[in-house]
């Protein structure tokens, strides 16, 4: 048994798990913004200043994402981290509306709701197994 019995460790572990999960979702928001810049770049002439700015933004955001992803998977199970990546579908719907005026349809909403339900089910399964907040070392 590794628990100290004080209860402080469990609360601290839970707090760390929540912080890692919030950090992951902020990171996934950053990752999804790279797709916005990529679409903006695709709408400009190749190698124009606008293209270079948008494409450079994609590279910067992907670099931030890659570094952040390394830190996330160090602190949580890889399977849980990957399951949460599905939330980028929701970000994509939001960014499509905000930046490109794309409509939000009932089909998109139902699909996004199903994805969110799947993430919750997956996270609860990890929690039940005592994995959340675990990870390497």
Foldseek 3Di string as FASTA:
>chain_A
DPDPPPCPVVVVLVVLLVVLVVLLVVLLLLLLVLVVLVVQLVPDDPPDPSNCVSPVSSVVSVVVSVVSVVVSQQFAPPVLSVLVNVLSLVSNLVCCCVPPVDDDDPVSVVVNVVSVVSSVVVVVVCVVVVGRRPHDD
